[in-house]
Amino acid sequence: MFELKWVPDAQDQYQTLREKAEEALKSRVGKGKRKSSKDEGLYKQVHKTLKLLRENPKHPGLHSHPFDSLQHPYNKDEKVWESYAQNRTPSAYRIFWCYGPCRAELTIIAITPHP
């Protein structure tokens, strides 16, 4: 099992997703609606992806692969990885991460919609 470390921007992105989901949940419950909002669904998908990354970064459902456009924050010679939080969705969300800085740690670099 890996411990997750966060780049400050990634932590802010995750916190924003969480806050939007919590607001949507309060609004939905207040209106008596049963169906989850898009914000709630997105947060749930990102949260599940982070859980799978902690357990096994090579999990086939993550579709993890190297991503060349970002630089590793700790070692320029190491790879940055991209994992899918969503698939077959317009502007599907991705999580960018790397191994390190220490053994059994993953650093979350960004949580963003696919360009």
Protein backbone atom coordinates (compact mmCIF):
# COMPACT_ATOMS: atom_id res chain seq x y z
CA MET A 1 0.00 0.00 0.00
CA PHE A 2 1.31 3.43 -0.96
CA GLU A 3 1.06 6.64 1.01
CA LEU A 4 -0.18 9.63 -0.99
CA LYS A 5 1.73 12.90 -0.95
CA TRP A 6 0.33 16.00 -2.62
CA VAL A 7 1.68 18.91 -4.62
CA PRO A 8 -0.17 21.99 -3.23
CA ASP A 9 -2.06 22.64 -6.50
CA ALA A 10 -3.28 19.03 -6.63
CA GLN A 11 -4.44 19.21 -3.01
CA ASP A 12 -6.38 22.39 -3.87
CA GLN A 13 -7.93 20.72 -6.94
CA TYR A 14 -9.06 17.74 -4.86
CA GLN A 15 -10.43 19.99 -2.10
CA THR A 16 -12.39 22.02 -4.68
CA LEU A 17 -13.94 18.83 -6.09
CA ARG A 18 -14.88 17.72 -2.57
CA GLU A 19 -16.45 21.08 -1.68
CA LYS A 20 -18.50 21.16 -4.89
CA ALA A 21 -19.74 17.61 -4.22
CA GLU A 22 -20.69 18.48 -0.63
CA GLU A 23 -22.58 21.60 -1.77
CA ALA A 24 -24.39 19.60 -4.45
CA LEU A 25 -25.33 16.93 -1.91
CA LYS A 26 -26.76 19.51 0.52
CA SER A 27 -28.74 21.14 -2.28
CA ARG A 28 -30.04 17.80 -3.55
CA VAL A 29 -31.11 16.62 -0.11
CA GLY A 30 -32.73 19.99 0.58
CA LYS A 31 -34.79 19.69 -2.60
CA GLY A 32 -35.68 16.06 -1.91
CA LYS A 33 -33.99 14.76 -5.05
CA ARG A 34 -32.57 11.25 -5.15
CA LYS A 35 -30.30 11.31 -8.20
CA SER A 36 -26.69 12.36 -7.61
CA SER A 37 -25.34 15.45 -9.34
CA LYS A 38 -22.42 15.53 -11.77
CA ASP A 39 -20.22 17.10 -9.09
CA GLU A 40 -21.03 14.27 -6.67
CA GLY A 41 -20.30 11.66 -9.33
CA LEU A 42 -17.02 13.27 -10.36
CA TYR A 43 -15.76 13.44 -6.77
CA LYS A 44 -16.74 9.81 -6.22
CA GLN A 45 -14.81 8.74 -9.35
CA VAL A 46 -11.69 10.74 -8.44
CA HIS A 47 -11.79 9.44 -4.85
CA LYS A 48 -12.08 5.84 -6.09
CA THR A 49 -9.16 6.37 -8.48
CA LEU A 50 -6.99 7.66 -5.63
CA LYS A 51 -7.94 4.62 -3.55
CA LEU A 52 -6.94 2.27 -6.40
CA LEU A 53 -3.65 4.16 -6.85
CA ARG A 54 -2.84 3.68 -3.15
CA GLU A 55 -3.55 -0.04 -3.40
CA ASN A 56 -2.00 -0.79 -6.80
CA PRO A 57 -0.81 1.89 -9.25
CA LYS A 58 -0.71 -0.78 -11.97
CA HIS A 59 -4.40 -1.70 -11.56
CA PRO A 60 -5.71 -2.32 -15.11
CA GLY A 61 -8.81 -0.15 -14.57
CA LEU A 62 -6.61 2.91 -14.08
CA HIS A 63 -5.07 2.68 -17.57
CA SER A 64 -1.88 4.16 -16.09
CA HIS A 65 0.77 5.15 -18.60
CA PRO A 66 3.77 7.51 -18.73
CA PHE A 67 3.04 11.15 -19.51
CA ASP A 68 5.88 13.14 -21.08
CA SER A 69 4.58 16.72 -20.84
CA LEU A 70 5.07 17.09 -17.08
CA GLN A 71 8.38 17.03 -15.25
CA HIS A 72 8.93 14.79 -12.24
CA PRO A 73 9.13 17.06 -9.15
CA TYR A 74 11.92 15.09 -7.45
CA ASN A 75 14.02 13.47 -10.19
CA LYS A 76 14.17 14.71 -13.77
CA ASP A 77 15.07 11.22 -15.02
CA GLU A 78 11.96 9.55 -13.56
CA LYS A 79 8.55 9.30 -15.22
CA VAL A 80 5.31 11.09 -14.48
CA TRP A 81 2.24 8.88 -14.88
CA GLU A 82 -1.31 9.55 -16.01
CA SER A 83 -4.26 7.52 -14.70
CA TYR A 84 -7.89 7.69 -15.75
CA ALA A 85 -10.50 8.84 -13.25
CA GLN A 86 -13.06 8.88 -16.07
CA ASN A 87 -13.18 7.33 -19.51
CA ARG A 88 -15.32 7.92 -22.59
CA THR A 89 -16.55 11.22 -21.20
CA PRO A 90 -16.03 14.68 -22.73
CA SER A 91 -13.18 16.36 -20.83
CA ALA A 92 -12.64 13.16 -18.81
CA TYR A 93 -10.68 13.70 -15.61
CA ARG A 94 -7.11 12.43 -15.25
CA ILE A 95 -4.78 12.15 -12.30
CA PHE A 96 -1.09 12.84 -12.85
CA TRP A 97 1.28 11.31 -10.34
CA CYS A 98 4.80 10.01 -9.77
CA TYR A 99 6.62 7.64 -7.47
CA GLY A 100 8.39 9.22 -4.53
CA PRO A 101 9.86 11.10 -2.86
CA CYS A 102 10.38 8.09 -0.60
CA ARG A 103 9.83 4.39 -1.00
CA ALA A 104 6.14 3.35 -0.87
CA GLU A 105 4.98 6.91 -1.60
CA LEU A 106 3.13 8.38 -4.56
CA THR A 107 2.94 12.10 -5.20
CA ILE A 108 -0.23 13.46 -6.78
CA ILE A 109 0.82 16.23 -9.17
CA ALA A 110 -2.51 17.23 -10.73
CA ILE A 111 -6.19 16.31 -11.02
CA THR A 112 -7.51 17.84 -14.22
CA PRO A 113 -9.90 17.31 -17.12
CA HIS A 114 -8.31 15.87 -20.24
CA PRO A 115 -7.54 18.67 -22.71
